[in-house]
Amino acid sequence: MATDIKQPSGDQKVQKRHKEPKAQPVEIYKPRRWPANLIFGVGGVVAVGGFAWLVWASSTFAEIVDPIKFITEGCFALFLIAVAIAQVGLYWSQRDYMNAQWNVMERSLGRTDSVIEQMELQLQETIAQRILSDQSMKVSQRAYVAVLNPILGNPPLAVPKAAITILIGNTGATPARDVNVKAYRAYSDKPPKESALDYAQLDDLTSQAVLWRGAEPLVISLESKEFVSEVERFTYLTVHRLYVWGKITYFDVFGDFHTTKFCFVNIDPRVATLKLYRIHNSFD
C-alpha cells in the first residue's frame, strides 16, 4: 500500500529553520480600588454624620443667627476634612500605581541586561571568528620558504672534498621579502647542538630582497672538509658523518617574521645522498 508523503514547501522550511521569537507578555497594571473606595466611604460617612451633628447641635442656640453661623463654619470645617481625606485616598492610589510601575521597570531592566549579555557574547564570538578568519587567511596566503632539495655532488668517501648544493624556494602563495640564508657543514660523530643552531658558527651565505612564489630557487653551494689522503678520509669517515644545517629568515606580505631551520645528514659515505635529519627541522 503506497503512502503519499508531502514534502514541506520552501516557506515551511524557512519557518522551521527560523523560529519566530516568543512575544514578551505586556503587563497591565490593575489598581486595587478597595483602599480608595474605603477611604472615600469613610470620608462620606464622616461628612454626613458631621453635617447631621451640626444640625442637631444648632438647635440648642436661642438666637436665629447663631445656628446659621455655627452650621456654616462647621460645614467649612467638614469640607476641609473631606478634602484631606480625598487627598489621602488619591495619594494612596498613586503610590500603588508608582510601585507597580517601578516593578515593571525593574523587570524590564533585567530583560535588557539579559539582552545586553547575549549581544556581548555574540560580539565576542564574532571577534573570535574574525581572528580565526584572519589567521586562516594568513596561513593560506603567506609565503613558505624552505629547502627544496639538498644535493651531494659525490660520495664523501670518493673525493677529497664533497660538493654540497642546497636549493631554496618559496612554496607559499605570496612573495617573501628580505630572505636571508645561513648554513654550515661539518663532519662530526654527534649531531649539531642547539647552540650551533643559534648560528654562532653559521656562514652568512646569501640574501635576497624578494623571493617570488614559483620563481627560480636560490642556489647555495658548500664544500666539505678536505682530506689529505685516502687513508685519513677512510679512517675519519668510519666514525664521523657529514652534517649540513642552517636557517632561513624572511618576512611575509603581512609583515610577520618567520624562521625555517633545516638539518641534513649523509649516513653512508659511499653514497652521494643527504637525508633529512630527525631533529633541527622546523618552520613557523
C-alpha atoms as a PDB file:
ATOM      1  CA  MET A   1       0.000   0.000   0.000  1.00  0.00           C
ATOM      2  CA  ALA A   2       1.575   3.247  -1.122  1.00  0.00           C
ATOM      3  CA  THR A   3       1.604   6.203   1.199  1.00  0.00           C
ATOM      4  CA  ASP A   4       1.859   9.760  -0.077  1.00  0.00           C
ATOM      5  CA  ILE A   5       4.466  11.796   1.777  1.00  0.00           C
ATOM      6  CA  LYS A   6       4.043  15.513   1.438  1.00  0.00           C
ATOM      7  CA  GLN A   7       7.265  17.428   1.080  1.00  0.00           C
ATOM      8  CA  PRO A   8       7.345  20.687   3.004  1.00  0.00           C
ATOM      9  CA  SER A   9       7.232  23.779   0.860  1.00  0.00           C
ATOM     10  CA  GLY A  10      10.023  26.389   0.795  1.00  0.00           C
ATOM     11  CA  ASP A  11       8.123  28.728   3.119  1.00  0.00           C
ATOM     12  CA  GLN A  12       7.593  25.927   5.626  1.00  0.00           C
ATOM     13  CA  LYS A  13      11.324  25.070   5.549  1.00  0.00           C
ATOM     14  CA  VAL A  14      12.209  28.679   6.239  1.00  0.00           C
ATOM     15  CA  GLN A  15       9.737  28.795   9.113  1.00  0.00           C
ATOM     16  CA  LYS A  16      11.257  25.627  10.592  1.00  0.00           C
ATOM     17  CA  ARG A  17      14.796  26.959  10.312  1.00  0.00           C
ATOM     18  CA  HIS A  18      13.922  30.382  11.702  1.00  0.00           C
ATOM     19  CA  LYS A  19      11.528  30.129  14.574  1.00  0.00           C
ATOM     20  CA  GLU A  20       9.684  33.264  15.465  1.00  0.00           C
ATOM     21  CA  PRO A  21      10.773  34.700  18.807  1.00  0.00           C
ATOM     22  CA  LYS A  22       8.295  34.383  21.606  1.00  0.00           C
ATOM     23  CA  ALA A  23       6.402  37.583  22.255  1.00  0.00           C
ATOM     24  CA  GLN A  24       7.111  39.119  25.631  1.00  0.00           C
ATOM     25  CA  PRO A  25       3.946  39.449  27.727  1.00  0.00           C
ATOM     26  CA  VAL A  26       2.799  43.026  28.288  1.00  0.00           C
ATOM     27  CA  GLU A  27       1.995  43.653  31.919  1.00  0.00           C
ATOM     28  CA  ILE A  28      -1.069  45.791  32.528  1.00  0.00           C
ATOM     29  CA  TYR A  29      -1.396  47.301  35.962  1.00  0.00           C
ATOM     30  CA  LYS A  30      -4.823  46.971  37.525  1.00  0.00           C
ATOM     31  CA  PRO A  31      -5.054  49.249  40.555  1.00  0.00           C
ATOM     32  CA  ARG A  32      -6.634  47.986  43.713  1.00  0.00           C
ATOM     33  CA  ARG A  33      -9.788  50.044  44.114  1.00  0.00           C
ATOM     34  CA  TRP A  34     -10.933  48.892  47.518  1.00  0.00           C
ATOM     35  CA  PRO A  35      -8.495  51.062  49.587  1.00  0.00           C
ATOM     36  CA  ALA A  36      -9.612  54.219  47.785  1.00  0.00           C
ATOM     37  CA  ASN A  37     -13.277  53.190  47.984  1.00  0.00           C
ATOM     38  CA  LEU A  38     -12.860  52.520  51.686  1.00  0.00           C
ATOM     39  CA  ILE A  39     -11.259  55.896  52.291  1.00  0.00           C
ATOM     40  CA  PHE A  40     -13.886  57.743  50.259  1.00  0.00           C
ATOM     41  CA  GLY A  41     -16.627  55.776  52.034  1.00  0.00           C
ATOM     42  CA  VAL A  42     -15.257  56.696  55.434  1.00  0.00           C
ATOM     43  CA  GLY A  43     -14.994  60.296  54.290  1.00  0.00           C
ATOM     44  CA  GLY A  44     -18.620  60.270  53.121  1.00  0.00           C
ATOM     45  CA  VAL A  45     -19.830  58.799  56.426  1.00  0.00           C
ATOM     46  CA  VAL A  46     -17.836  61.408  58.348  1.00  0.00           C
ATOM     47  CA  ALA A  47     -19.251  64.221  56.185  1.00  0.00           C
ATOM     48  CA  VAL A  48     -22.866  63.056  56.508  1.00  0.00           C
ATOM     49  CA  GLY A  49     -22.516  62.311  60.189  1.00  0.00           C
ATOM     50  CA  GLY A  50     -20.769  65.622  60.827  1.00  0.00           C
ATOM     51  CA  PHE A  51     -23.458  67.573  58.990  1.00  0.00           C
ATOM     52  CA  ALA A  52     -26.198  65.781  60.941  1.00  0.00           C
ATOM     53  CA  TRP A  53     -24.408  66.570  64.181  1.00  0.00           C
ATOM     54  CA  LEU A  54     -24.140  70.240  63.187  1.00  0.00           C
ATOM     55  CA  VAL A  55     -27.866  70.414  62.508  1.00  0.00           C
ATOM     56  CA  TRP A  56     -28.659  68.734  65.822  1.00  0.00           C
ATOM     57  CA  ALA A  57     -26.220  70.925  67.725  1.00  0.00           C
ATOM     58  CA  SER A  58     -27.515  74.146  66.145  1.00  0.00           C
ATOM     59  CA  SER A  59     -30.983  73.524  67.584  1.00  0.00           C
ATOM     60  CA  THR A  60     -29.665  74.366  71.038  1.00  0.00           C
ATOM     61  CA  PHE A  61     -28.996  78.006  70.122  1.00  0.00           C
ATOM     62  CA  ALA A  62     -31.681  80.551  71.051  1.00  0.00           C
ATOM     63  CA  GLU A  63     -30.789  83.206  68.503  1.00  0.00           C
ATOM     64  CA  ILE A  64     -31.527  82.567  64.797  1.00  0.00           C
ATOM     65  CA  VAL A  65     -28.194  83.962  63.609  1.00  0.00           C
ATOM     66  CA  ASP A  66     -26.066  81.743  65.839  1.00  0.00           C
ATOM     67  CA  PRO A  67     -27.208  78.361  64.361  1.00  0.00           C
ATOM     68  CA  ILE A  68     -26.610  79.617  60.814  1.00  0.00           C
ATOM     69  CA  LYS A  69     -23.126  80.790  61.686  1.00  0.00           C
ATOM     70  CA  PHE A  70     -22.403  77.556  63.544  1.00  0.00           C
ATOM     71  CA  ILE A  71     -23.594  75.366  60.645  1.00  0.00           C
ATOM     72  CA  THR A  72     -21.668  77.435  58.074  1.00  0.00           C
ATOM     73  CA  GLU A  73     -18.422  77.237  59.975  1.00  0.00           C
ATOM     74  CA  GLY A  74     -18.960  73.551  60.682  1.00  0.00           C
ATOM     75  CA  CYS A  75     -19.652  72.778  57.003  1.00  0.00           C
ATOM     76  CA  PHE A  76     -16.474  74.594  56.018  1.00  0.00           C
ATOM     77  CA  ALA A  77     -14.521  72.514  58.536  1.00  0.00           C
ATOM     78  CA  LEU A  78     -16.159  69.322  57.247  1.00  0.00           C
ATOM     79  CA  PHE A  79     -15.254  70.357  53.688  1.00  0.00           C
ATOM     80  CA  LEU A  80     -11.605  70.742  54.669  1.00  0.00           C
ATOM     81  CA  ILE A  81     -11.684  67.324  56.347  1.00  0.00           C
ATOM     82  CA  ALA A  82     -13.271  65.775  53.246  1.00  0.00           C
ATOM     83  CA  VAL A  83     -10.593  67.371  51.006  1.00  0.00           C
ATOM     84  CA  ALA A  84      -7.849  65.992  53.249  1.00  0.00           C
ATOM     85  CA  ILE A  85      -9.391  62.529  53.173  1.00  0.00           C
ATOM     86  CA  ALA A  86      -9.729  62.714  49.367  1.00  0.00           C
ATOM     87  CA  GLN A  87      -6.072  63.707  49.042  1.00  0.00           C
ATOM     88  CA  VAL A  88      -5.068  60.778  51.229  1.00  0.00           C
ATOM     89  CA  GLY A  89      -7.046  58.397  49.003  1.00  0.00           C
ATOM     90  CA  LEU A  90      -5.607  59.922  45.836  1.00  0.00           C
ATOM     91  CA  TYR A  91      -2.032  59.759  47.093  1.00  0.00           C
ATOM     92  CA  TRP A  92      -2.547  56.192  48.235  1.00  0.00           C
ATOM     93  CA  SER A  93      -3.798  55.105  44.822  1.00  0.00           C
ATOM     94  CA  GLN A  94      -0.898  56.917  43.129  1.00  0.00           C
ATOM     95  CA  ARG A  95       1.543  55.208  45.484  1.00  0.00           C
ATOM     96  CA  ASP A  96       0.314  51.762  44.425  1.00  0.00           C
ATOM     97  CA  TYR A  97       0.451  52.772  40.776  1.00  0.00           C
ATOM     98  CA  MET A  98       4.011  54.096  41.102  1.00  0.00           C
ATOM     99  CA  ASN A  99       5.117  50.931  42.917  1.00  0.00           C
ATOM    100  CA  ALA A 100       3.667  48.831  40.105  1.00  0.00           C
ATOM    101  CA  GLN A 101       5.469  50.982  37.525  1.00  0.00           C
ATOM    102  CA  TRP A 102       8.703  50.595  39.463  1.00  0.00           C
ATOM    103  CA  ASN A 103       8.352  46.803  39.490  1.00  0.00           C
ATOM    104  CA  VAL A 104       7.676  46.764  35.749  1.00  0.00           C
ATOM    105  CA  MET A 105      10.739  48.951  35.126  1.00  0.00           C
ATOM    106  CA  GLU A 106      12.929  46.649  37.229  1.00  0.00           C
ATOM    107  CA  ARG A 107      11.764  43.585  35.297  1.00  0.00           C
ATOM    108  CA  SER A 108      12.295  45.418  32.000  1.00  0.00           C
ATOM    109  CA  LEU A 109      15.775  46.389  33.145  1.00  0.00           C
ATOM    110  CA  GLY A 110      16.529  42.745  33.953  1.00  0.00           C
ATOM    111  CA  ARG A 111      15.411  41.682  30.476  1.00  0.00           C
ATOM    112  CA  THR A 112      17.515  44.480  28.963  1.00  0.00           C
ATOM    113  CA  ASP A 113      20.576  43.290  30.900  1.00  0.00           C
ATOM    114  CA  SER A 114      19.978  39.760  29.610  1.00  0.00           C
ATOM    115  CA  VAL A 115      19.758  41.037  26.027  1.00  0.00           C
ATOM    116  CA  ILE A 116      22.968  43.053  26.503  1.00  0.00           C
ATOM    117  CA  GLU A 117      24.780  39.972  27.846  1.00  0.00           C
ATOM    118  CA  GLN A 118      23.647  37.955  24.830  1.00  0.00           C
ATOM    119  CA  MET A 119      24.801  40.720  22.490  1.00  0.00           C
ATOM    120  CA  GLU A 120      28.200  40.846  24.243  1.00  0.00           C
ATOM    121  CA  LEU A 121      28.551  37.072  23.834  1.00  0.00           C
ATOM    122  CA  GLN A 122      27.649  37.367  20.155  1.00  0.00           C
ATOM    123  CA  LEU A 123      30.200  40.185  19.789  1.00  0.00           C
ATOM    124  CA  GLN A 124      32.897  38.046  21.406  1.00  0.00           C
ATOM    125  CA  GLU A 125      32.022  35.135  19.106  1.00  0.00           C
ATOM    126  CA  THR A 126      32.150  37.471  16.101  1.00  0.00           C
ATOM    127  CA  ILE A 127      35.564  38.795  17.162  1.00  0.00           C
ATOM    128  CA  ALA A 128      36.847  35.239  17.703  1.00  0.00           C
ATOM    129  CA  GLN A 129      35.548  34.204  14.269  1.00  0.00           C
ATOM    130  CA  ARG A 130      37.183  37.276  12.726  1.00  0.00           C
ATOM    131  CA  ILE A 131      40.512  36.389  14.363  1.00  0.00           C
ATOM    132  CA  LEU A 132      40.249  32.784  13.155  1.00  0.00           C
ATOM    133  CA  SER A 133      39.355  34.011   9.681  1.00  0.00           C
ATOM    134  CA  ASP A 134      42.372  36.341   9.612  1.00  0.00           C
ATOM    135  CA  GLN A 135      44.648  33.573  10.848  1.00  0.00           C
ATOM    136  CA  SER A 136      43.292  31.137   8.265  1.00  0.00           C
ATOM    137  CA  MET A 137      43.748  33.724   5.546  1.00  0.00           C
ATOM    138  CA  LYS A 138      47.348  34.345   6.621  1.00  0.00           C
ATOM    139  CA  VAL A 139      48.116  30.629   6.764  1.00  0.00           C
ATOM    140  CA  SER A 140      46.712  30.062   3.272  1.00  0.00           C
ATOM    141  CA  GLN A 141      48.138  33.228   1.668  1.00  0.00           C
ATOM    142  CA  ARG A 142      51.553  33.686   3.337  1.00  0.00           C
ATOM    143  CA  ALA A 143      54.959  32.703   1.945  1.00  0.00           C
ATOM    144  CA  TYR A 144      56.700  29.462   2.909  1.00  0.00           C
ATOM    145  CA  VAL A 145      60.446  29.475   2.271  1.00  0.00           C
ATOM    146  CA  ALA A 146      62.239  26.156   2.799  1.00  0.00           C
ATOM    147  CA  VAL A 147      64.873  23.821   1.384  1.00  0.00           C
ATOM    148  CA  LEU A 148      63.517  22.216  -1.764  1.00  0.00           C
ATOM    149  CA  ASN A 149      66.330  19.777  -2.392  1.00  0.00           C
ATOM    150  CA  PRO A 150      69.786  19.196  -0.871  1.00  0.00           C
ATOM    151  CA  ILE A 151      72.234  17.747  -3.374  1.00  0.00           C
ATOM    152  CA  LEU A 152      75.505  15.985  -2.556  1.00  0.00           C
ATOM    153  CA  GLY A 153      77.639  16.063  -5.710  1.00  0.00           C
ATOM    154  CA  ASN A 154      79.695  12.944  -4.947  1.00  0.00           C
ATOM    155  CA  PRO A 155      80.148  10.423  -2.151  1.00  0.00           C
ATOM    156  CA  PRO A 156      82.338  11.805   0.670  1.00  0.00           C
ATOM    157  CA  LEU A 157      84.446   8.652   0.639  1.00  0.00           C
ATOM    158  CA  ALA A 158      85.314   9.026  -3.054  1.00  0.00           C
ATOM    159  CA  VAL A 159      86.702  12.577  -3.208  1.00  0.00           C
ATOM    160  CA  PRO A 160      88.919  14.805  -1.061  1.00  0.00           C
ATOM    161  CA  LYS A 161      86.126  17.415  -0.785  1.00  0.00           C
ATOM    162  CA  ALA A 162      82.382  16.803  -1.125  1.00  0.00           C
ATOM    163  CA  ALA A 163      80.404  19.419  -3.055  1.00  0.00           C
ATOM    164  CA  ILE A 164      77.061  20.369  -1.475  1.00  0.00           C
ATOM    165  CA  THR A 165      74.264  22.246  -3.223  1.00  0.00           C
ATOM    166  CA  ILE A 166      71.103  23.447  -1.440  1.00  0.00           C
ATOM    167  CA  LEU A 167      68.092  24.686  -3.418  1.00  0.00           C
ATOM    168  CA  ILE A 168      65.809  27.069  -1.527  1.00  0.00           C
ATOM    169  CA  GLY A 169      62.423  28.137  -2.847  1.00  0.00           C
ATOM    170  CA  ASN A 170      59.106  29.737  -1.918  1.00  0.00           C
ATOM    171  CA  THR A 171      56.215  27.254  -1.916  1.00  0.00           C
ATOM    172  CA  GLY A 172      53.668  29.713  -0.477  1.00  0.00           C
ATOM    173  CA  ALA A 173      51.014  31.798  -2.201  1.00  0.00           C
ATOM    174  CA  THR A 174      52.681  35.214  -1.923  1.00  0.00           C
ATOM    175  CA  PRO A 175      56.239  36.593  -2.199  1.00  0.00           C
ATOM    176  CA  ALA A 176      58.728  36.594   0.680  1.00  0.00           C
ATOM    177  CA  ARG A 177      60.978  39.584   1.307  1.00  0.00           C
ATOM    178  CA  ASP A 178      64.338  40.097   2.998  1.00  0.00           C
ATOM    179  CA  VAL A 179      65.220  36.414   2.638  1.00  0.00           C
ATOM    180  CA  ASN A 180      68.462  35.525   4.407  1.00  0.00           C
ATOM    181  CA  VAL A 181      70.136  32.098   4.385  1.00  0.00           C
ATOM    182  CA  LYS A 182      72.804  30.884   6.779  1.00  0.00           C
ATOM    183  CA  ALA A 183      74.255  27.379   6.720  1.00  0.00           C
ATOM    184  CA  TYR A 184      77.179  25.288   7.900  1.00  0.00           C
ATOM    185  CA  ARG A 185      78.623  21.849   7.176  1.00  0.00           C
ATOM    186  CA  ALA A 186      80.851  19.660   9.274  1.00  0.00           C
ATOM    187  CA  TYR A 187      81.984  16.088   9.817  1.00  0.00           C
ATOM    188  CA  SER A 188      81.094  15.017  13.333  1.00  0.00           C
ATOM    189  CA  ASP A 189      80.478  11.921  15.388  1.00  0.00           C
ATOM    190  CA  LYS A 190      77.500  13.722  17.014  1.00  0.00           C
ATOM    191  CA  PRO A 191      74.671  15.763  15.522  1.00  0.00           C
ATOM    192  CA  PRO A 192      74.826  19.573  15.795  1.00  0.00           C
ATOM    193  CA  LYS A 193      73.673  21.042  19.082  1.00  0.00           C
ATOM    194  CA  GLU A 194      71.057  23.689  19.575  1.00  0.00           C
ATOM    195  CA  SER A 195      73.799  26.140  20.475  1.00  0.00           C
ATOM    196  CA  ALA A 196      75.194  25.621  16.998  1.00  0.00           C
ATOM    197  CA  LEU A 197      71.738  26.319  15.605  1.00  0.00           C
ATOM    198  CA  ASP A 198      71.888  29.625  17.398  1.00  0.00           C
ATOM    199  CA  TYR A 199      74.199  30.324  14.474  1.00  0.00           C
ATOM    200  CA  ALA A 200      77.365  31.500  16.145  1.00  0.00           C
ATOM    201  CA  GLN A 201      79.301  29.473  13.572  1.00  0.00           C
ATOM    202  CA  LEU A 202      76.949  29.611  10.589  1.00  0.00           C
ATOM    203  CA  ASP A 203      78.128  31.272   7.412  1.00  0.00           C
ATOM    204  CA  ASP A 204      76.009  34.090   6.026  1.00  0.00           C
ATOM    205  CA  LEU A 205      75.662  32.707   2.520  1.00  0.00           C
ATOM    206  CA  THR A 206      73.089  34.733   0.618  1.00  0.00           C
ATOM    207  CA  SER A 207      70.334  37.328   0.876  1.00  0.00           C
ATOM    208  CA  GLN A 208      67.588  38.313  -1.499  1.00  0.00           C
ATOM    209  CA  ALA A 209      65.144  41.219  -1.303  1.00  0.00           C
ATOM    210  CA  VAL A 210      62.166  39.343  -2.732  1.00  0.00           C
ATOM    211  CA  LEU A 211      61.660  35.640  -3.425  1.00  0.00           C
ATOM    212  CA  TRP A 212      58.569  35.178  -5.571  1.00  0.00           C
ATOM    213  CA  ARG A 213      56.282  32.189  -5.468  1.00  0.00           C
ATOM    214  CA  GLY A 214      57.365  29.639  -8.081  1.00  0.00           C
ATOM    215  CA  ALA A 215      60.479  31.637  -9.009  1.00  0.00           C
ATOM    216  CA  GLU A 216      63.877  30.127  -9.656  1.00  0.00           C
ATOM    217  CA  PRO A 217      65.189  28.729  -6.359  1.00  0.00           C
ATOM    218  CA  LEU A 218      68.158  30.169  -4.551  1.00  0.00           C
ATOM    219  CA  VAL A 219      71.251  28.002  -5.036  1.00  0.00           C
ATOM    220  CA  ILE A 220      73.576  27.593  -2.059  1.00  0.00           C
ATOM    221  CA  SER A 221      76.954  25.931  -2.648  1.00  0.00           C
ATOM    222  CA  LEU A 222      79.177  24.499   0.078  1.00  0.00           C
ATOM    223  CA  GLU A 223      82.246  22.271   0.248  1.00  0.00           C
ATOM    224  CA  SER A 224      83.106  19.773   2.959  1.00  0.00           C
ATOM    225  CA  LYS A 225      86.434  19.377   4.717  1.00  0.00           C
ATOM    226  CA  GLU A 226      89.363  18.459   2.501  1.00  0.00           C
ATOM    227  CA  PHE A 227      91.210  15.277   3.418  1.00  0.00           C
ATOM    228  CA  VAL A 228      94.931  14.918   2.772  1.00  0.00           C
ATOM    229  CA  SER A 229      94.898  11.220   1.898  1.00  0.00           C
ATOM    230  CA  GLU A 230      92.534   8.352   1.294  1.00  0.00           C
ATOM    231  CA  VAL A 231      93.670   6.636   4.485  1.00  0.00           C
ATOM    232  CA  GLU A 232      92.817   9.712   6.529  1.00  0.00           C
ATOM    233  CA  ARG A 233      89.474  10.082   4.729  1.00  0.00           C
ATOM    234  CA  PHE A 234      88.564   6.397   5.207  1.00  0.00           C
ATOM    235  CA  THR A 235      89.620   6.410   8.887  1.00  0.00           C
ATOM    236  CA  TYR A 236      87.738   9.639   9.596  1.00  0.00           C
ATOM    237  CA  LEU A 237      84.521   8.716   7.779  1.00  0.00           C
ATOM    238  CA  THR A 238      84.162   5.374   9.531  1.00  0.00           C
ATOM    239  CA  VAL A 239      83.319   7.297  12.701  1.00  0.00           C
ATOM    240  CA  HIS A 240      82.072  10.683  11.512  1.00  0.00           C
ATOM    241  CA  ARG A 241      79.114  11.725   9.395  1.00  0.00           C
ATOM    242  CA  LEU A 242      78.611  14.759   7.204  1.00  0.00           C
ATOM    243  CA  TYR A 243      76.008  17.170   8.631  1.00  0.00           C
ATOM    244  CA  VAL A 244      74.593  20.202   6.818  1.00  0.00           C
ATOM    245  CA  TRP A 245      72.388  22.542   8.823  1.00  0.00           C
ATOM    246  CA  GLY A 246      71.267  26.161   8.947  1.00  0.00           C
ATOM    247  CA  LYS A 247      68.357  28.572   8.983  1.00  0.00           C
ATOM    248  CA  ILE A 248      66.335  30.778   6.656  1.00  0.00           C
ATOM    249  CA  THR A 249      64.768  34.031   7.840  1.00  0.00           C
ATOM    250  CA  TYR A 250      62.266  36.141   5.912  1.00  0.00           C
ATOM    251  CA  PHE A 251      59.186  38.364   6.137  1.00  0.00           C
ATOM    252  CA  ASP A 252      55.831  37.595   4.524  1.00  0.00           C
ATOM    253  CA  VAL A 253      53.488  40.108   2.859  1.00  0.00           C
ATOM    254  CA  PHE A 254      51.683  40.632   6.182  1.00  0.00           C
ATOM    255  CA  GLY A 255      54.870  41.839   7.848  1.00  0.00           C
ATOM    256  CA  ASP A 256      55.334  38.751  10.031  1.00  0.00           C
ATOM    257  CA  PHE A 257      58.834  37.421  10.624  1.00  0.00           C
ATOM    258  CA  HIS A 258      59.481  33.710  10.031  1.00  0.00           C
ATOM    259  CA  THR A 259      62.354  31.292  10.581  1.00  0.00           C
ATOM    260  CA  THR A 260      62.919  27.938   8.893  1.00  0.00           C
ATOM    261  CA  LYS A 261      65.519  25.563  10.358  1.00  0.00           C
ATOM    262  CA  PHE A 262      66.934  22.634   8.405  1.00  0.00           C
ATOM    263  CA  CYS A 263      69.362  19.801   9.049  1.00  0.00           C
ATOM    264  CA  PHE A 264      70.529  17.022   6.701  1.00  0.00           C
ATOM    265  CA  VAL A 265      72.955  14.131   7.165  1.00  0.00           C
ATOM    266  CA  ASN A 266      74.908  11.757   4.953  1.00  0.00           C
ATOM    267  CA  ILE A 267      74.507   8.342   6.591  1.00  0.00           C
ATOM    268  CA  ASP A 268      76.613   6.279   4.168  1.00  0.00           C
ATOM    269  CA  PRO A 269      79.833   7.992   2.961  1.00  0.00           C
ATOM    270  CA  ARG A 270      79.878   5.672  -0.038  1.00  0.00           C
ATOM    271  CA  VAL A 271      76.593   7.143  -1.379  1.00  0.00           C
ATOM    272  CA  ALA A 272      76.020  10.728  -2.535  1.00  0.00           C
ATOM    273  CA  THR A 273      72.788  11.355  -0.629  1.00  0.00           C
ATOM    274  CA  LEU A 274      71.671  13.809   2.058  1.00  0.00           C
ATOM    275  CA  LYS A 275      68.678  12.777   4.159  1.00  0.00           C
ATOM    276  CA  LEU A 276      66.504  14.848   6.427  1.00  0.00           C
ATOM    277  CA  TYR A 277      67.762  14.511   9.983  1.00  0.00           C
ATOM    278  CA  ARG A 278      65.332  13.667  12.771  1.00  0.00           C
ATOM    279  CA  ILE A 279      65.918  16.923  14.709  1.00  0.00           C
ATOM    280  CA  HIS A 280      66.562  20.603  13.996  1.00  0.00           C
ATOM    281  CA  ASN A 281      63.957  20.787  11.224  1.00  0.00           C
ATOM    282  CA  SER A 282      61.155  23.243  11.837  1.00  0.00           C
ATOM    283  CA  PHE A 283      59.364  26.265  10.431  1.00  0.00           C
ATOM    284  CA  ASP A 284      56.893  28.816  11.771  1.00  0.00           C
END
